[in-house]
Amino acid sequence: YERGEEAMIRGSRDDSLIELPFTGSPRGSIKKQASLDESVQMDTPPRSPPEPPGDEELLNMVQSPPVPIQIKERIKMTAKQKWHFAYNKIIMQLNVC
């Protein structure tokens, strides 16, 4: 049987995630390391929160200016006119080369 205190100490050492340094090392070689949060806070200056944009600016961001749309009225063509139009378009494309 172990003493109650020794069992508690041994149990707490086994469950802990921190490894204790071995007793043979000199005390001067162990240094306390600053936590990551502390080192980051010292390196970066404190930031102030950005100012929210005004109501008009928000509306301008959301609403886009209306785009004018021009719809040309289609001229009514007969079948013969459509055929000539398509034929002429093909001839013009062939003549470009």
Protein backbone atom coordinates (compact mmCIF):
# COMPACT_ATOMS: atom_id res chain seq x y z
CA TYR A 1 0.00 0.00 0.00
CA GLU A 2 1.14 3.52 -0.79
CA ARG A 3 0.48 6.42 1.43
CA GLY A 4 -2.53 8.51 0.46
CA GLU A 5 -0.45 11.61 -0.26
CA GLU A 6 2.07 9.76 -2.42
CA ALA A 7 -0.72 8.15 -4.42
CA MET A 8 -2.35 11.54 -4.98
CA ILE A 9 0.94 13.11 -6.06
CA ARG A 10 1.81 10.21 -8.38
CA GLY A 11 -1.73 10.19 -9.82
CA SER A 12 -1.68 13.93 -10.45
CA ARG A 13 1.69 13.65 -12.18
CA ASP A 14 0.49 10.85 -14.43
CA ASP A 15 -2.65 12.75 -15.45
CA SER A 16 -0.98 16.10 -16.09
CA LEU A 17 0.08 17.15 -19.56
CA ILE A 18 2.98 19.28 -18.31
CA GLU A 19 6.28 17.47 -18.09
CA LEU A 20 8.30 18.49 -15.09
CA PRO A 21 12.05 18.96 -15.65
CA PHE A 22 14.29 16.30 -14.20
CA THR A 23 15.85 17.18 -10.86
CA GLY A 24 19.44 16.97 -12.10
CA SER A 25 19.25 20.21 -14.15
CA PRO A 26 20.48 23.48 -12.66
CA ARG A 27 17.82 26.01 -11.79
CA GLY A 28 19.36 28.72 -13.96
CA SER A 29 18.81 26.83 -17.22
CA ILE A 30 15.02 26.81 -16.89
CA LYS A 31 13.49 30.01 -18.26
CA LYS A 32 9.90 31.08 -18.22
CA GLN A 33 8.63 31.50 -21.77
CA ALA A 34 6.08 34.24 -22.44
CA SER A 35 2.82 32.95 -23.79
CA LEU A 36 2.03 33.46 -27.45
CA ASP A 37 -0.75 35.92 -26.65
CA GLU A 38 1.58 38.12 -24.60
CA SER A 39 4.26 38.22 -27.30
CA VAL A 40 1.72 39.04 -30.02
CA GLN A 41 0.19 41.80 -27.92
CA MET A 42 3.58 43.41 -27.37
CA ASP A 43 4.45 43.31 -31.09
CA THR A 44 1.21 44.75 -32.49
CA PRO A 45 -0.29 48.09 -31.46
CA PRO A 46 -3.91 48.04 -30.28
CA ARG A 47 -6.43 48.58 -33.07
CA SER A 48 -9.50 50.71 -32.90
CA PRO A 49 -12.63 49.28 -34.53
CA PRO A 50 -13.36 50.66 -38.01
CA GLU A 51 -16.05 53.28 -38.22
CA PRO A 52 -19.28 52.00 -39.75
CA PRO A 53 -20.21 53.67 -43.05
CA GLY A 54 -23.04 56.18 -43.10
CA ASP A 55 -26.58 55.36 -44.20
CA GLU A 56 -26.15 57.02 -47.58
CA GLU A 57 -22.96 55.06 -48.26
CA LEU A 58 -24.72 51.80 -47.41
CA LEU A 59 -27.56 52.64 -49.77
CA ASN A 60 -25.10 53.48 -52.53
CA MET A 61 -23.36 50.12 -52.01
CA VAL A 62 -26.61 48.16 -52.19
CA GLN A 63 -28.37 50.03 -54.98
CA SER A 64 -26.75 50.13 -58.38
CA PRO A 65 -27.60 52.85 -60.88
CA PRO A 66 -30.28 51.80 -63.34
CA VAL A 67 -28.92 50.59 -66.65
CA PRO A 68 -30.76 52.07 -69.64
CA ILE A 69 -32.07 49.34 -71.88
CA GLN A 70 -32.82 50.06 -75.51
CA ILE A 71 -34.97 47.56 -77.26
CA LYS A 72 -35.07 48.05 -80.99
CA GLU A 73 -38.37 47.43 -82.59
CA ARG A 74 -38.13 44.56 -85.00
CA ILE A 75 -39.10 45.36 -88.52
CA LYS A 76 -41.62 42.91 -89.87
CA MET A 77 -39.99 41.05 -92.74
CA THR A 78 -41.44 38.59 -95.16
CA ALA A 79 -39.88 35.17 -95.68
CA LYS A 80 -38.28 36.39 -98.91
CA GLN A 81 -36.72 39.40 -97.15
CA LYS A 82 -35.37 37.18 -94.34
CA TRP A 83 -33.83 34.84 -96.92
CA HIS A 84 -32.13 37.75 -98.75
CA PHE A 85 -30.92 39.22 -95.45
CA ALA A 86 -29.34 35.89 -94.38
CA TYR A 87 -27.86 35.33 -97.87
CA ASN A 88 -26.31 38.82 -97.94
CA LYS A 89 -24.89 38.33 -94.44
CA ILE A 90 -23.16 35.10 -95.52
CA ILE A 91 -21.81 36.71 -98.71
CA MET A 92 -20.44 39.67 -96.72
CA GLN A 93 -18.64 37.27 -94.33
CA LEU A 94 -17.11 35.39 -97.25
CA ASN A 95 -15.99 38.61 -98.96
CA VAL A 96 -14.09 39.82 -95.89
CA CYS A 97 -11.37 37.19 -96.34
